Structure formats: structure tokens, C-alpha cells
Amino acid sequence: MKRLRKDNGRKTLLHMLSKFKESGVIVEGRHDRLALAEIGVRSYTYESIIRGAEPDSEEAILLTDSDRRGMEKSEKLAQLLNEKGYKVDESTGRQFLRMLNVSCAEEILAPLAEMLENGEDNGKNIFRHSKVHGGSEVRDRRHGRQA
């Protein structure tokens, strides 16, 4: 992936994170949800929405994986949420994953931590906690291993 242009890339990412915190973000699974919780973003899983849970904002941002199954789930969610009257944003989630060069939300922590370590955030702490876990820890939990 091309390195983010420091000014525009940083501003865009921080704007997206702010938008995530204001909207209902919908992800595929529990590990994606845990990763977003690490940065203070409340999210809903695909299964919870299918079973009837509703985001608590008028706008729903879809942040599904960039594989075929993720795209299928995104289409299904968009249709369901549009029928319920939500404004559905399918592009912001995809753009966010592309900017971080990852394929799913559970992998965002390490690239965001790197952005912070490199000082590319203007000193703004986007993480909810003082301790930032890397993406490998989330992957290890997914596979049943302790980090």
C-alpha cells in the first residue's frame, strides 16, 4: 500500500473515527466489535442486526470484511436497514479498511497504533484505553490462543 500522505490521510482517518463514534457501526463478528471497542466505537454485529437489534443513530455505517462473504452481508444489511428507514453508508467502512491496508475491522489496531507511534495523530489519543493492544492479540483470541 502507498504510504498515507501525512496530512490528508491523518485528517481523513480521524474524521472517519469521529463519524464512527457518532453513527451506528455494523461489523461482521465479535472480534471486529472488540477491536472497535478498543478505540471507543460502539458497534453492532451482523447477527444482532439480523435478529432485530437496531442502531441507536439515524445513520448506519457498514464495516464488513472486504471478502466475498463480507460484501454479501453488506448488501443484505443495507437492504434490511434501508427498509427500516436508516441512512446506510457502505463506502466509509470500505475506505477506512483500504486506508489502513487491512481486510477486516479486527485488524485495525496495529496500523492505528503505528500511526500513533509515528506521531501522525497530532497528539490526539484516539484509543479509549491507555494500553493499546496490537492486532495480533485480537487474532490470537480468535484462534483460541493467549497473546
N, C-alpha and C. Protein backbone atom coordinates (compact mmCIF):
# COMPACT_ATOMS: atom_id res chain seq x y z
N MET A 1 0.84 -1.18 0.00
CA MET A 1 0.00 0.00 0.00
C MET A 1 0.88 1.24 0.00
N LYS A 2 0.43 2.26 -0.70
CA LYS A 2 1.15 3.51 -0.67
C LYS A 2 1.04 4.08 0.73
N ARG A 3 2.08 4.71 1.18
CA ARG A 3 2.07 5.34 2.50
C ARG A 3 1.08 6.49 2.47
N LEU A 4 0.27 6.63 3.51
CA LEU A 4 -0.69 7.72 3.58
C LEU A 4 0.05 9.05 3.50
N ARG A 5 -0.51 9.97 2.72
CA ARG A 5 0.06 11.31 2.78
C ARG A 5 -0.25 11.82 4.16
N LYS A 6 0.77 12.28 4.86
CA LYS A 6 0.64 12.55 6.30
C LYS A 6 -0.53 13.44 6.64
N ASP A 7 -0.71 14.57 5.95
CA ASP A 7 -1.76 15.50 6.34
C ASP A 7 -3.14 15.00 5.95
N ASN A 8 -3.35 14.74 4.69
CA ASN A 8 -4.68 14.34 4.23
C ASN A 8 -5.10 12.98 4.78
N GLY A 9 -4.20 12.01 4.81
CA GLY A 9 -4.53 10.69 5.33
C GLY A 9 -4.89 10.72 6.79
N ARG A 10 -4.12 11.45 7.56
CA ARG A 10 -4.37 11.55 9.01
C ARG A 10 -5.71 12.22 9.27
N LYS A 11 -5.95 13.33 8.60
CA LYS A 11 -7.20 14.06 8.79
C LYS A 11 -8.40 13.20 8.38
N THR A 12 -8.25 12.50 7.29
CA THR A 12 -9.35 11.65 6.82
C THR A 12 -9.64 10.53 7.81
N LEU A 13 -8.59 9.86 8.30
CA LEU A 13 -8.78 8.79 9.27
C LEU A 13 -9.43 9.30 10.55
N LEU A 14 -8.96 10.42 11.06
CA LEU A 14 -9.54 10.97 12.28
C LEU A 14 -10.98 11.40 12.07
N HIS A 15 -11.29 11.92 10.89
CA HIS A 15 -12.67 12.28 10.57
C HIS A 15 -13.55 11.01 10.54
N MET A 16 -13.03 9.95 9.93
CA MET A 16 -13.79 8.70 9.88
C MET A 16 -14.04 8.16 11.28
N LEU A 17 -13.03 8.17 12.14
CA LEU A 17 -13.20 7.68 13.50
C LEU A 17 -14.23 8.50 14.26
N SER A 18 -14.22 9.79 14.04
CA SER A 18 -15.22 10.66 14.67
C SER A 18 -16.62 10.29 14.18
N LYS A 19 -16.73 10.06 12.88
CA LYS A 19 -18.02 9.67 12.29
C LYS A 19 -18.48 8.31 12.85
N PHE A 20 -17.54 7.39 13.03
CA PHE A 20 -17.87 6.08 13.60
C PHE A 20 -18.47 6.24 14.99
N LYS A 21 -17.90 7.16 15.78
CA LYS A 21 -18.37 7.34 17.15
C LYS A 21 -19.75 7.98 17.21
N GLU A 22 -20.14 8.70 16.16
CA GLU A 22 -21.44 9.35 16.11
C GLU A 22 -22.52 8.48 15.48
N SER A 23 -22.14 7.45 14.75
CA SER A 23 -23.09 6.63 14.00
C SER A 23 -23.17 5.23 14.57
N GLY A 24 -24.08 4.45 14.05
CA GLY A 24 -24.15 3.04 14.38
C GLY A 24 -23.27 2.26 13.42
N VAL A 25 -22.19 1.68 13.90
CA VAL A 25 -21.29 0.92 13.04
C VAL A 25 -21.65 -0.56 13.15
N ILE A 26 -21.77 -1.21 12.01
CA ILE A 26 -22.13 -2.61 11.99
C ILE A 26 -20.99 -3.42 11.38
N VAL A 27 -20.53 -4.40 12.14
CA VAL A 27 -19.41 -5.24 11.74
C VAL A 27 -19.88 -6.69 11.62
N GLU A 28 -19.00 -7.55 11.14
CA GLU A 28 -19.40 -8.95 10.94
C GLU A 28 -19.46 -9.76 12.23
N GLY A 29 -18.45 -9.65 13.07
CA GLY A 29 -18.42 -10.56 14.21
C GLY A 29 -17.88 -9.93 15.48
N ARG A 30 -17.77 -10.78 16.47
CA ARG A 30 -17.38 -10.37 17.82
C ARG A 30 -15.97 -9.76 17.87
N HIS A 31 -15.04 -10.33 17.14
CA HIS A 31 -13.67 -9.82 17.17
C HIS A 31 -13.57 -8.44 16.52
N ASP A 32 -14.34 -8.23 15.47
CA ASP A 32 -14.41 -6.90 14.86
C ASP A 32 -14.96 -5.90 15.89
N ARG A 33 -15.99 -6.32 16.58
CA ARG A 33 -16.63 -5.46 17.59
C ARG A 33 -15.65 -5.14 18.73
N LEU A 34 -14.87 -6.13 19.17
CA LEU A 34 -13.87 -5.90 20.22
C LEU A 34 -12.81 -4.90 19.78
N ALA A 35 -12.37 -5.00 18.53
CA ALA A 35 -11.36 -4.07 18.03
C ALA A 35 -11.89 -2.64 18.04
N LEU A 36 -13.13 -2.45 17.63
CA LEU A 36 -13.70 -1.11 17.63
C LEU A 36 -13.92 -0.60 19.05
N ALA A 37 -14.26 -1.49 19.96
CA ALA A 37 -14.43 -1.09 21.36
C ALA A 37 -13.12 -0.56 21.93
N GLU A 38 -12.00 -1.10 21.48
CA GLU A 38 -10.68 -0.62 21.94
C GLU A 38 -10.45 0.85 21.63
N ILE A 39 -11.06 1.34 20.56
CA ILE A 39 -10.89 2.75 20.20
C ILE A 39 -12.13 3.58 20.54
N GLY A 40 -13.01 3.00 21.36
CA GLY A 40 -14.15 3.75 21.86
C GLY A 40 -15.33 3.86 20.91
N VAL A 41 -15.42 2.95 19.95
CA VAL A 41 -16.53 2.96 19.00
C VAL A 41 -17.50 1.85 19.35
N ARG A 42 -18.75 2.24 19.58
CA ARG A 42 -19.79 1.23 19.83
C ARG A 42 -20.23 0.66 18.49
N SER A 43 -20.33 -0.65 18.44
CA SER A 43 -20.73 -1.28 17.19
C SER A 43 -21.70 -2.41 17.45
N TYR A 44 -22.28 -2.88 16.38
CA TYR A 44 -23.25 -3.97 16.41
C TYR A 44 -22.76 -5.05 15.47
N THR A 45 -23.04 -6.29 15.80
CA THR A 45 -22.64 -7.37 14.90
C THR A 45 -23.73 -7.64 13.87
N TYR A 46 -23.33 -8.25 12.80
CA TYR A 46 -24.25 -8.65 11.74
C TYR A 46 -25.40 -9.47 12.32
N GLU A 47 -25.05 -10.47 13.13
CA GLU A 47 -26.07 -11.35 13.71
C GLU A 47 -27.07 -10.59 14.57
N SER A 48 -26.59 -9.63 15.38
CA SER A 48 -27.51 -8.90 16.25
C SER A 48 -28.49 -8.06 15.44
N ILE A 49 -28.04 -7.50 14.33
CA ILE A 49 -28.94 -6.70 13.48
C ILE A 49 -29.95 -7.62 12.79
N ILE A 50 -29.50 -8.76 12.30
CA ILE A 50 -30.40 -9.71 11.64
C ILE A 50 -31.47 -10.19 12.63
N ARG A 51 -31.08 -10.34 13.90
CA ARG A 51 -32.02 -10.80 14.92
C ARG A 51 -32.93 -9.70 15.46
N GLY A 52 -32.75 -8.47 14.99
CA GLY A 52 -33.68 -7.42 15.38
C GLY A 52 -33.12 -6.24 16.15
N ALA A 53 -31.85 -6.27 16.53
CA ALA A 53 -31.27 -5.11 17.22
C ALA A 53 -31.23 -3.94 16.24
N GLU A 54 -31.37 -2.74 16.79
CA GLU A 54 -31.35 -1.56 15.92
C GLU A 54 -30.32 -0.56 16.42
N PRO A 55 -29.53 -0.01 15.51
CA PRO A 55 -28.56 1.02 15.89
C PRO A 55 -29.27 2.20 16.53
N ASP A 56 -28.58 2.88 17.46
CA ASP A 56 -29.22 3.99 18.15
C ASP A 56 -28.90 5.34 17.52
N SER A 57 -28.65 5.35 16.23
CA SER A 57 -28.50 6.60 15.48
C SER A 57 -29.22 6.44 14.15
N GLU A 58 -29.43 7.55 13.47
CA GLU A 58 -30.15 7.50 12.20
C GLU A 58 -29.31 6.96 11.05
N GLU A 59 -27.99 7.01 11.23
CA GLU A 59 -27.09 6.55 10.18
C GLU A 59 -26.37 5.27 10.62
N ALA A 60 -26.27 4.32 9.71
CA ALA A 60 -25.57 3.07 9.96
C ALA A 60 -24.40 2.96 8.99
N ILE A 61 -23.20 2.79 9.55
CA ILE A 61 -22.01 2.60 8.73
C ILE A 61 -21.68 1.12 8.70
N LEU A 62 -21.59 0.56 7.51
CA LEU A 62 -21.27 -0.86 7.37
C LEU A 62 -19.76 -1.04 7.25
N LEU A 63 -19.22 -1.84 8.15
CA LEU A 63 -17.77 -2.09 8.19
C LEU A 63 -17.56 -3.60 8.16
N THR A 64 -17.98 -4.19 7.04
CA THR A 64 -17.84 -5.64 6.89
C THR A 64 -16.51 -5.95 6.20
N ASP A 65 -16.08 -7.19 6.30
CA ASP A 65 -14.83 -7.63 5.69
C ASP A 65 -14.86 -7.39 4.18
N SER A 66 -13.69 -7.27 3.60
CA SER A 66 -13.61 -6.97 2.17
C SER A 66 -13.56 -8.22 1.30
N ASP A 67 -13.97 -9.37 1.86
CA ASP A 67 -14.04 -10.60 1.06
C ASP A 67 -15.47 -10.76 0.51
N ARG A 68 -15.69 -11.84 -0.24
CA ARG A 68 -16.99 -12.07 -0.87
C ARG A 68 -18.11 -12.16 0.17
N ARG A 69 -17.89 -12.91 1.24
CA ARG A 69 -18.91 -13.05 2.28
C ARG A 69 -19.24 -11.72 2.94
N GLY A 70 -18.21 -10.91 3.15
CA GLY A 70 -18.43 -9.59 3.73
C GLY A 70 -19.27 -8.70 2.84
N MET A 71 -19.00 -8.77 1.54
CA MET A 71 -19.78 -7.97 0.59
C MET A 71 -21.23 -8.44 0.54
N GLU A 72 -21.44 -9.75 0.61
CA GLU A 72 -22.81 -10.28 0.62
C GLU A 72 -23.56 -9.82 1.87
N LYS A 73 -22.88 -9.87 3.02
CA LYS A 73 -23.51 -9.43 4.26
C LYS A 73 -23.80 -7.93 4.22
N SER A 74 -22.91 -7.18 3.61
CA SER A 74 -23.10 -5.74 3.49
C SER A 74 -24.36 -5.43 2.67
N GLU A 75 -24.53 -6.15 1.56
CA GLU A 75 -25.71 -5.95 0.73
C GLU A 75 -26.99 -6.29 1.48
N LYS A 76 -26.97 -7.39 2.21
CA LYS A 76 -28.14 -7.81 2.98
C LYS A 76 -28.47 -6.79 4.08
N LEU A 77 -27.44 -6.32 4.77
CA LEU A 77 -27.63 -5.33 5.82
C LEU A 77 -28.17 -4.02 5.25
N ALA A 78 -27.62 -3.58 4.13
CA ALA A 78 -28.06 -2.33 3.51
C ALA A 78 -29.54 -2.40 3.16
N GLN A 79 -29.96 -3.51 2.58
CA GLN A 79 -31.36 -3.68 2.21
C GLN A 79 -32.26 -3.65 3.46
N LEU A 80 -31.88 -4.42 4.47
CA LEU A 80 -32.66 -4.50 5.70
C LEU A 80 -32.76 -3.14 6.40
N LEU A 81 -31.63 -2.45 6.52
CA LEU A 81 -31.62 -1.16 7.22
C LEU A 81 -32.32 -0.06 6.43
N ASN A 82 -32.20 -0.09 5.09
CA ASN A 82 -32.93 0.87 4.26
C ASN A 82 -34.43 0.70 4.43
N GLU A 83 -34.88 -0.55 4.50
CA GLU A 83 -36.31 -0.82 4.71
C GLU A 83 -36.80 -0.28 6.05
N LYS A 84 -35.90 -0.25 7.05
CA LYS A 84 -36.26 0.26 8.37
C LYS A 84 -36.11 1.78 8.47
N GLY A 85 -35.65 2.41 7.40
CA GLY A 85 -35.56 3.87 7.37
C GLY A 85 -34.22 4.45 7.79
N TYR A 86 -33.19 3.64 7.91
CA TYR A 86 -31.86 4.14 8.27
C TYR A 86 -31.15 4.67 7.04
N LYS A 87 -30.31 5.67 7.24
CA LYS A 87 -29.39 6.11 6.19
C LYS A 87 -28.19 5.18 6.27
N VAL A 88 -27.90 4.46 5.20
CA VAL A 88 -26.84 3.45 5.21
C VAL A 88 -25.63 3.95 4.44
N ASP A 89 -24.47 3.90 5.08
CA ASP A 89 -23.21 4.30 4.47
C ASP A 89 -22.35 3.05 4.28
N GLU A 90 -22.22 2.63 3.03
CA GLU A 90 -21.42 1.45 2.71
C GLU A 90 -19.99 1.81 2.32
N SER A 91 -19.73 3.04 1.94
CA SER A 91 -18.42 3.40 1.41
C SER A 91 -17.39 3.78 2.47
N THR A 92 -17.79 4.41 3.56
CA THR A 92 -16.83 4.87 4.56
C THR A 92 -16.07 3.69 5.18
N GLY A 93 -16.78 2.61 5.50
CA GLY A 93 -16.13 1.44 6.07
C GLY A 93 -15.10 0.83 5.14
N ARG A 94 -15.45 0.71 3.86
CA ARG A 94 -14.52 0.16 2.88
C ARG A 94 -13.29 1.05 2.72
N GLN A 95 -13.53 2.36 2.67
CA GLN A 95 -12.42 3.30 2.53
C GLN A 95 -11.49 3.23 3.74
N PHE A 96 -12.08 3.10 4.94
CA PHE A 96 -11.31 3.01 6.17
C PHE A 96 -10.38 1.80 6.14
N LEU A 97 -10.91 0.64 5.76
CA LEU A 97 -10.10 -0.57 5.68
C LEU A 97 -8.99 -0.44 4.64
N ARG A 98 -9.31 0.16 3.48
CA ARG A 98 -8.30 0.35 2.43
C ARG A 98 -7.18 1.28 2.91
N MET A 99 -7.55 2.34 3.60
CA MET A 99 -6.53 3.30 4.07
C MET A 99 -5.56 2.65 5.05
N LEU A 100 -6.07 1.71 5.85
CA LEU A 100 -5.21 1.03 6.83
C LEU A 100 -4.57 -0.23 6.26
N ASN A 101 -4.91 -0.57 5.01
CA ASN A 101 -4.37 -1.74 4.33
C ASN A 101 -4.68 -3.02 5.09
N VAL A 102 -5.93 -3.16 5.51
CA VAL A 102 -6.39 -4.37 6.18
C VAL A 102 -7.67 -4.84 5.50
N SER A 103 -8.05 -6.09 5.77
CA SER A 103 -9.25 -6.62 5.11
C SER A 103 -10.45 -6.75 6.05
N CYS A 104 -10.22 -6.56 7.36
CA CYS A 104 -11.34 -6.66 8.30
C CYS A 104 -11.08 -5.75 9.51
N ALA A 105 -12.15 -5.42 10.21
CA ALA A 105 -12.07 -4.48 11.33
C ALA A 105 -11.19 -5.00 12.46
N GLU A 106 -11.13 -6.31 12.64
CA GLU A 106 -10.33 -6.83 13.76
C GLU A 106 -8.83 -6.59 13.57
N GLU A 107 -8.42 -6.20 12.37
CA GLU A 107 -7.00 -5.96 12.09
C GLU A 107 -6.61 -4.49 12.17
N ILE A 108 -7.50 -3.61 12.60
CA ILE A 108 -7.20 -2.17 12.56
C ILE A 108 -6.27 -1.69 13.66
N LEU A 109 -6.19 -2.41 14.78
CA LEU A 109 -5.47 -1.88 15.94
C LEU A 109 -3.99 -1.63 15.70
N ALA A 110 -3.31 -2.58 15.09
CA ALA A 110 -1.87 -2.41 14.86
C ALA A 110 -1.58 -1.22 13.93
N PRO A 111 -2.27 -1.07 12.79
CA PRO A 111 -1.99 0.10 11.95
C PRO A 111 -2.31 1.43 12.65
N LEU A 112 -3.37 1.47 13.44
CA LEU A 112 -3.68 2.70 14.17
C LEU A 112 -2.64 2.98 15.24
N ALA A 113 -2.18 1.93 15.92
CA ALA A 113 -1.13 2.11 16.93
C ALA A 113 0.14 2.61 16.27
N GLU A 114 0.46 2.09 15.09
CA GLU A 114 1.64 2.56 14.36
C GLU A 114 1.49 4.03 14.01
N MET A 115 0.30 4.42 13.61
CA MET A 115 0.06 5.82 13.29
C MET A 115 0.33 6.70 14.52
N LEU A 116 -0.08 6.23 15.69
CA LEU A 116 0.16 6.99 16.91
C LEU A 116 1.64 7.03 17.26
N GLU A 117 2.31 5.91 17.13
CA GLU A 117 3.74 5.85 17.45
C GLU A 117 4.56 6.76 16.56
N ASN A 118 4.13 6.91 15.31
CA ASN A 118 4.85 7.75 14.37
C ASN A 118 4.47 9.21 14.50
N GLY A 119 3.60 9.52 15.46
CA GLY A 119 3.21 10.91 15.67
C GLY A 119 2.31 11.45 14.59
N GLU A 120 1.61 10.58 13.91
CA GLU A 120 0.77 11.02 12.81
C GLU A 120 -0.65 11.34 13.26
N ASP A 121 -0.84 11.62 14.52
CA ASP A 121 -2.19 11.91 15.01
C ASP A 121 -2.28 13.28 15.68
N ASN A 122 -1.25 14.11 15.56
CA ASN A 122 -1.21 15.42 16.20
C ASN A 122 -1.42 15.34 17.70
N GLY A 123 -0.97 14.26 18.32
CA GLY A 123 -1.07 14.13 19.77
C GLY A 123 -2.43 13.72 20.27
N LYS A 124 -3.38 13.48 19.41
CA LYS A 124 -4.73 13.13 19.83
C LYS A 124 -4.79 11.64 20.11
N ASN A 125 -5.23 11.26 21.31
CA ASN A 125 -5.33 9.85 21.66
C ASN A 125 -6.68 9.33 21.19
N ILE A 126 -6.68 8.55 20.12
CA ILE A 126 -7.93 8.02 19.59
C ILE A 126 -8.37 6.77 20.31
N PHE A 127 -7.47 6.19 21.13
CA PHE A 127 -7.81 4.98 21.84
C PHE A 127 -8.48 5.31 23.15
N ARG A 128 -9.45 4.53 23.52
CA ARG A 128 -10.21 4.75 24.73
C ARG A 128 -9.38 4.41 25.96
N HIS A 129 -8.49 3.46 25.85
CA HIS A 129 -7.68 3.00 26.96
C HIS A 129 -6.25 3.47 26.80
N SER A 130 -5.52 3.52 27.91
CA SER A 130 -4.12 3.92 27.81
C SER A 130 -3.27 2.80 27.21
N LYS A 131 -3.66 1.54 27.45
CA LYS A 131 -2.92 0.42 26.88
C LYS A 131 -3.55 0.03 25.54
N VAL A 132 -2.76 0.02 24.51
CA VAL A 132 -3.27 -0.30 23.18
C VAL A 132 -2.79 -1.69 22.81
N HIS A 133 -3.73 -2.57 22.53
CA HIS A 133 -3.39 -3.93 22.14
C HIS A 133 -3.18 -3.97 20.64
N GLY A 134 -2.21 -4.73 20.21
CA GLY A 134 -1.95 -4.87 18.78
C GLY A 134 -2.93 -5.81 18.13
N GLY A 135 -3.01 -5.76 16.83
CA GLY A 135 -3.93 -6.61 16.08
C GLY A 135 -3.66 -8.09 16.27
N SER A 136 -2.41 -8.46 16.58
CA SER A 136 -2.08 -9.87 16.74
C SER A 136 -2.78 -10.45 17.96
N GLU A 137 -2.98 -9.64 19.01
CA GLU A 137 -3.67 -10.14 20.18
C GLU A 137 -5.11 -10.50 19.85
N VAL A 138 -5.75 -9.67 19.05
CA VAL A 138 -7.13 -9.96 18.65
C VAL A 138 -7.15 -11.24 17.83
N ARG A 139 -6.20 -11.39 16.89
CA ARG A 139 -6.16 -12.60 16.08
C ARG A 139 -5.90 -13.82 16.95
N ASP A 140 -5.05 -13.70 17.97
CA ASP A 140 -4.77 -14.83 18.85
C ASP A 140 -6.02 -15.23 19.62
N ARG A 141 -6.82 -14.27 20.07
CA ARG A 141 -8.06 -14.61 20.77
C ARG A 141 -9.02 -15.34 19.84
N ARG A 142 -9.03 -14.92 18.58
CA ARG A 142 -9.91 -15.57 17.60
C ARG A 142 -9.55 -17.03 17.44
N HIS A 143 -8.26 -17.34 17.48
CA HIS A 143 -7.82 -18.72 17.29
C HIS A 143 -7.66 -19.47 18.60
N GLY A 144 -8.12 -18.86 19.70
CA GLY A 144 -8.13 -19.56 20.98
C GLY A 144 -6.78 -19.60 21.67
N ARG A 145 -5.84 -18.78 21.23
CA ARG A 145 -4.52 -18.72 21.88
C ARG A 145 -4.42 -17.45 22.68
N GLN A 146 -3.69 -17.51 23.75
CA GLN A 146 -3.44 -16.29 24.52
C GLN A 146 -2.22 -15.58 23.95
N ALA A 147 -2.30 -14.26 23.95
CA ALA A 147 -1.17 -13.48 23.42
C ALA A 147 -0.04 -13.43 24.41
